[in-house]
Amino acid sequence: MIAREVKRKKMVEKYLDRRNKLRSVSLDNKLSLEDRMAARRELFELPKNSAPTRVRNRCTITGRPRGYMRFFGLSRIAFRELALNGHLPGIRKGSL
């Protein structure tokens, strides 16, 4: 699953500029309907995994998709282990 997510992230980066240009053309009301529909058709022909919404945030250590902390890039479980072992500077238990 981790390798699949890495592959998706690379594909999103590869097609990001092209996808944004086609999206802006397809939403521009100043252009003709034919031009907008052609842009929309090209957008549909791009790979599905090139869409940014397909990327799932995962823990960098375990690959766990749930309980993800975006600031650290870790799941709650990996974050807790690293914090208790003192590997995250400035982080300590709230009850101490």
N, C-alpha and C. Protein backbone atom coordinates (compact mmCIF):
# COMPACT_ATOMS: atom_id res chain seq x y z
N MET A 1 0.83 -1.20 0.00
CA MET A 1 0.00 0.00 0.00
C MET A 1 0.87 1.26 0.00
N ILE A 2 1.99 1.20 0.72
CA ILE A 2 2.87 2.36 0.77
C ILE A 2 3.45 2.64 -0.61
N ALA A 3 3.87 1.60 -1.30
CA ALA A 3 4.43 1.76 -2.64
C ALA A 3 3.38 2.31 -3.60
N ARG A 4 2.15 1.90 -3.45
CA ARG A 4 1.07 2.39 -4.30
C ARG A 4 0.84 3.88 -4.08
N GLU A 5 0.92 4.31 -2.81
CA GLU A 5 0.74 5.73 -2.50
C GLU A 5 1.89 6.56 -3.05
N VAL A 6 3.11 6.03 -2.98
CA VAL A 6 4.26 6.74 -3.54
C VAL A 6 4.08 6.91 -5.05
N LYS A 7 3.60 5.87 -5.69
CA LYS A 7 3.36 5.91 -7.14
C LYS A 7 2.30 6.96 -7.46
N ARG A 8 1.25 7.04 -6.65
CA ARG A 8 0.19 8.03 -6.87
C ARG A 8 0.73 9.44 -6.69
N LYS A 9 1.56 9.65 -5.66
CA LYS A 9 2.11 10.99 -5.42
C LYS A 9 2.97 11.44 -6.59
N LYS A 10 3.76 10.53 -7.16
CA LYS A 10 4.59 10.88 -8.31
C LYS A 10 3.72 11.24 -9.51
N MET A 11 2.63 10.48 -9.70
CA MET A 11 1.75 10.74 -10.83
C MET A 11 1.02 12.06 -10.66
N VAL A 12 0.63 12.40 -9.44
CA VAL A 12 -0.03 13.68 -9.19
C VAL A 12 0.92 14.82 -9.52
N GLU A 13 2.18 14.72 -9.10
CA GLU A 13 3.16 15.76 -9.40
C GLU A 13 3.39 15.89 -10.90
N LYS A 14 3.41 14.77 -11.59
CA LYS A 14 3.68 14.77 -13.03
C LYS A 14 2.58 15.49 -13.81
N TYR A 15 1.33 15.27 -13.45
CA TYR A 15 0.21 15.80 -14.21
C TYR A 15 -0.42 17.05 -13.60
N LEU A 16 0.15 17.60 -12.54
CA LEU A 16 -0.48 18.70 -11.81
C LEU A 16 -0.68 19.95 -12.68
N ASP A 17 0.37 20.38 -13.39
CA ASP A 17 0.25 21.59 -14.21
C ASP A 17 -0.78 21.40 -15.33
N ARG A 18 -0.69 20.27 -16.00
CA ARG A 18 -1.61 19.99 -17.10
C ARG A 18 -3.05 19.93 -16.61
N ARG A 19 -3.26 19.28 -15.47
CA ARG A 19 -4.60 19.16 -14.90
C ARG A 19 -5.16 20.53 -14.51
N ASN A 20 -4.32 21.38 -13.91
CA ASN A 20 -4.78 22.71 -13.51
C ASN A 20 -5.14 23.58 -14.71
N LYS A 21 -4.35 23.50 -15.78
CA LYS A 21 -4.65 24.28 -16.99
C LYS A 21 -5.97 23.83 -17.62
N LEU A 22 -6.14 22.53 -17.73
CA LEU A 22 -7.39 22.01 -18.32
C LEU A 22 -8.59 22.37 -17.45
N ARG A 23 -8.41 22.32 -16.15
CA ARG A 23 -9.51 22.64 -15.24
C ARG A 23 -9.90 24.11 -15.37
N SER A 24 -8.90 25.00 -15.44
CA SER A 24 -9.22 26.42 -15.57
C SER A 24 -9.90 26.72 -16.90
N VAL A 25 -9.49 26.04 -17.96
CA VAL A 25 -10.13 26.23 -19.27
C VAL A 25 -11.57 25.72 -19.23
N SER A 26 -11.79 24.59 -18.60
CA SER A 26 -13.13 24.01 -18.58
C SER A 26 -14.11 24.82 -17.73
N LEU A 27 -13.59 25.62 -16.80
CA LEU A 27 -14.47 26.43 -15.95
C LEU A 27 -14.60 27.88 -16.41
N ASP A 28 -13.87 28.27 -17.45
CA ASP A 28 -13.88 29.64 -17.95
C ASP A 28 -15.13 29.88 -18.80
N ASN A 29 -16.05 30.70 -18.31
CA ASN A 29 -17.30 30.96 -19.02
C ASN A 29 -17.12 31.88 -20.23
N LYS A 30 -15.97 32.52 -20.35
CA LYS A 30 -15.72 33.41 -21.47
C LYS A 30 -15.43 32.63 -22.76
N LEU A 31 -15.01 31.38 -22.62
CA LEU A 31 -14.71 30.54 -23.78
C LEU A 31 -15.98 29.89 -24.32
N SER A 32 -15.89 29.39 -25.54
CA SER A 32 -17.05 28.75 -26.14
C SER A 32 -17.30 27.38 -25.48
N LEU A 33 -18.49 26.90 -25.64
CA LEU A 33 -18.88 25.62 -25.06
C LEU A 33 -18.05 24.48 -25.63
N GLU A 34 -17.73 24.54 -26.92
CA GLU A 34 -16.94 23.49 -27.56
C GLU A 34 -15.53 23.41 -26.96
N ASP A 35 -14.93 24.58 -26.73
CA ASP A 35 -13.59 24.61 -26.15
C ASP A 35 -13.60 24.04 -24.73
N ARG A 36 -14.62 24.43 -23.97
CA ARG A 36 -14.71 23.93 -22.59
C ARG A 36 -14.96 22.43 -22.56
N MET A 37 -15.79 21.94 -23.45
CA MET A 37 -16.07 20.50 -23.49
C MET A 37 -14.84 19.72 -23.96
N ALA A 38 -14.05 20.28 -24.87
CA ALA A 38 -12.82 19.63 -25.31
C ALA A 38 -11.82 19.54 -24.16
N ALA A 39 -11.73 20.60 -23.38
CA ALA A 39 -10.84 20.58 -22.21
C ALA A 39 -11.31 19.55 -21.20
N ARG A 40 -12.61 19.47 -21.02
CA ARG A 40 -13.17 18.50 -20.06
C ARG A 40 -12.90 17.07 -20.54
N ARG A 41 -13.00 16.84 -21.86
CA ARG A 41 -12.71 15.52 -22.41
C ARG A 41 -11.26 15.14 -22.19
N GLU A 42 -10.35 16.09 -22.41
CA GLU A 42 -8.92 15.83 -22.15
C GLU A 42 -8.67 15.54 -20.69
N LEU A 43 -9.39 16.24 -19.83
CA LEU A 43 -9.25 16.03 -18.39
C LEU A 43 -9.69 14.62 -18.01
N PHE A 44 -10.75 14.14 -18.63
CA PHE A 44 -11.24 12.79 -18.33
C PHE A 44 -10.29 11.72 -18.85
N GLU A 45 -9.49 12.04 -19.87
CA GLU A 45 -8.57 11.07 -20.44
C GLU A 45 -7.28 10.92 -19.62
N LEU A 46 -7.04 11.83 -18.68
CA LEU A 46 -5.86 11.70 -17.82
C LEU A 46 -6.05 10.49 -16.90
N PRO A 47 -4.96 9.91 -16.42
CA PRO A 47 -5.08 8.75 -15.53
C PRO A 47 -5.82 9.12 -14.23
N LYS A 48 -6.59 8.17 -13.73
CA LYS A 48 -7.35 8.42 -12.51
C LYS A 48 -6.45 8.73 -11.32
N ASN A 49 -5.31 8.03 -11.25
CA ASN A 49 -4.41 8.22 -10.12
C ASN A 49 -3.65 9.54 -10.18
N SER A 50 -3.86 10.34 -11.22
CA SER A 50 -3.21 11.64 -11.28
C SER A 50 -4.03 12.71 -10.58
N ALA A 51 -5.20 12.35 -10.08
CA ALA A 51 -6.03 13.30 -9.35
C ALA A 51 -5.53 13.42 -7.90
N PRO A 52 -5.40 14.64 -7.39
CA PRO A 52 -4.88 14.82 -6.02
C PRO A 52 -5.77 14.20 -4.95
N THR A 53 -7.05 14.02 -5.23
CA THR A 53 -7.94 13.45 -4.22
C THR A 53 -7.71 11.96 -4.01
N ARG A 54 -6.98 11.32 -4.91
CA ARG A 54 -6.72 9.88 -4.78
C ARG A 54 -5.60 9.58 -3.79
N VAL A 55 -4.81 10.59 -3.44
CA VAL A 55 -3.69 10.39 -2.52
C VAL A 55 -4.22 10.32 -1.10
N ARG A 56 -3.77 9.34 -0.36
CA ARG A 56 -4.20 9.14 1.03
C ARG A 56 -3.00 9.41 1.94
N ASN A 57 -3.20 10.18 3.00
CA ASN A 57 -2.12 10.43 3.95
C ASN A 57 -1.85 9.16 4.74
N ARG A 58 -0.58 8.78 4.80
CA ARG A 58 -0.19 7.58 5.52
C ARG A 58 1.02 7.86 6.40
N CYS A 59 1.13 7.11 7.48
CA CYS A 59 2.28 7.21 8.38
C CYS A 59 3.55 6.83 7.62
N THR A 60 4.61 7.61 7.82
CA THR A 60 5.86 7.33 7.10
C THR A 60 6.57 6.11 7.64
N ILE A 61 6.27 5.71 8.86
CA ILE A 61 6.93 4.56 9.46
C ILE A 61 6.15 3.28 9.23
N THR A 62 4.86 3.29 9.58
CA THR A 62 4.07 2.07 9.53
C THR A 62 3.17 1.96 8.31
N GLY A 63 2.84 3.09 7.68
CA GLY A 63 1.93 3.07 6.54
C GLY A 63 0.48 3.08 6.95
N ARG A 64 0.21 3.29 8.22
CA ARG A 64 -1.16 3.30 8.73
C ARG A 64 -1.91 4.53 8.21
N PRO A 65 -3.12 4.34 7.64
CA PRO A 65 -3.85 5.47 7.07
C PRO A 65 -4.71 6.22 8.08
N ARG A 66 -5.01 5.61 9.20
CA ARG A 66 -5.91 6.25 10.17
C ARG A 66 -5.11 6.83 11.32
N GLY A 67 -5.66 7.84 11.96
CA GLY A 67 -4.99 8.48 13.08
C GLY A 67 -3.72 9.19 12.64
N TYR A 68 -3.77 9.81 11.47
CA TYR A 68 -2.60 10.45 10.88
C TYR A 68 -2.46 11.88 11.41
N MET A 69 -1.26 12.24 11.85
CA MET A 69 -0.97 13.60 12.30
C MET A 69 -0.16 14.29 11.21
N ARG A 70 -0.78 15.22 10.53
CA ARG A 70 -0.20 15.84 9.36
C ARG A 70 1.10 16.58 9.65
N PHE A 71 1.18 17.26 10.79
CA PHE A 71 2.37 18.05 11.13
C PHE A 71 3.61 17.17 11.23
N PHE A 72 3.46 15.97 11.77
CA PHE A 72 4.59 15.07 11.96
C PHE A 72 4.71 14.02 10.87
N GLY A 73 3.63 13.76 10.14
CA GLY A 73 3.66 12.73 9.11
C GLY A 73 3.64 11.33 9.70
N LEU A 74 3.08 11.21 10.91
CA LEU A 74 3.06 9.93 11.63
C LEU A 74 1.65 9.60 12.07
N SER A 75 1.41 8.32 12.32
CA SER A 75 0.15 7.92 12.91
C SER A 75 0.23 8.17 14.41
N ARG A 76 -0.90 8.13 15.07
CA ARG A 76 -0.93 8.41 16.51
C ARG A 76 -0.10 7.41 17.29
N ILE A 77 -0.06 6.16 16.83
CA ILE A 77 0.66 5.11 17.54
C ILE A 77 2.17 5.31 17.41
N ALA A 78 2.64 5.57 16.19
CA ALA A 78 4.07 5.81 15.98
C ALA A 78 4.50 7.10 16.67
N PHE A 79 3.63 8.11 16.65
CA PHE A 79 3.94 9.37 17.33
C PHE A 79 4.12 9.15 18.82
N ARG A 80 3.24 8.37 19.42
CA ARG A 80 3.31 8.13 20.87
C ARG A 80 4.58 7.38 21.23
N GLU A 81 4.93 6.37 20.45
CA GLU A 81 6.16 5.61 20.72
C GLU A 81 7.39 6.50 20.64
N LEU A 82 7.48 7.29 19.58
CA LEU A 82 8.65 8.16 19.41
C LEU A 82 8.71 9.23 20.50
N ALA A 83 7.55 9.76 20.88
CA ALA A 83 7.52 10.80 21.92
C ALA A 83 7.93 10.23 23.27
N LEU A 84 7.45 9.04 23.60
CA LEU A 84 7.78 8.46 24.90
C LEU A 84 9.24 8.04 24.98
N ASN A 85 9.83 7.70 23.85
CA ASN A 85 11.25 7.33 23.82
C ASN A 85 12.16 8.55 23.72
N GLY A 86 11.58 9.74 23.59
CA GLY A 86 12.36 10.96 23.54
C GLY A 86 12.97 11.26 22.19
N HIS A 87 12.42 10.69 21.11
CA HIS A 87 12.96 10.92 19.78
C HIS A 87 12.36 12.15 19.09
N LEU A 88 11.32 12.73 19.69
CA LEU A 88 10.72 13.95 19.14
C LEU A 88 11.04 15.10 20.11
N PRO A 89 11.94 15.98 19.75
CA PRO A 89 12.33 17.04 20.66
C PRO A 89 11.18 18.01 20.93
N GLY A 90 11.04 18.39 22.18
CA GLY A 90 10.00 19.34 22.58
C GLY A 90 8.66 18.72 22.86
N ILE A 91 8.54 17.41 22.70
CA ILE A 91 7.26 16.72 22.93
C ILE A 91 7.38 15.92 24.22
N ARG A 92 6.37 16.08 25.09
CA ARG A 92 6.34 15.28 26.31
C ARG A 92 4.89 15.03 26.68
N LYS A 93 4.70 14.08 27.57
CA LYS A 93 3.35 13.73 27.99
C LYS A 93 2.71 14.90 28.72
N GLY A 94 1.42 15.05 28.54
CA GLY A 94 0.71 16.16 29.18
C GLY A 94 0.57 15.99 30.68
N SER A 95 0.62 14.76 31.16
CA SER A 95 0.39 14.53 32.58
C SER A 95 1.66 14.63 33.41
N LEU A 96 2.79 14.82 32.74
CA LEU A 96 4.05 14.92 33.48
C LEU A 96 4.38 16.33 33.88
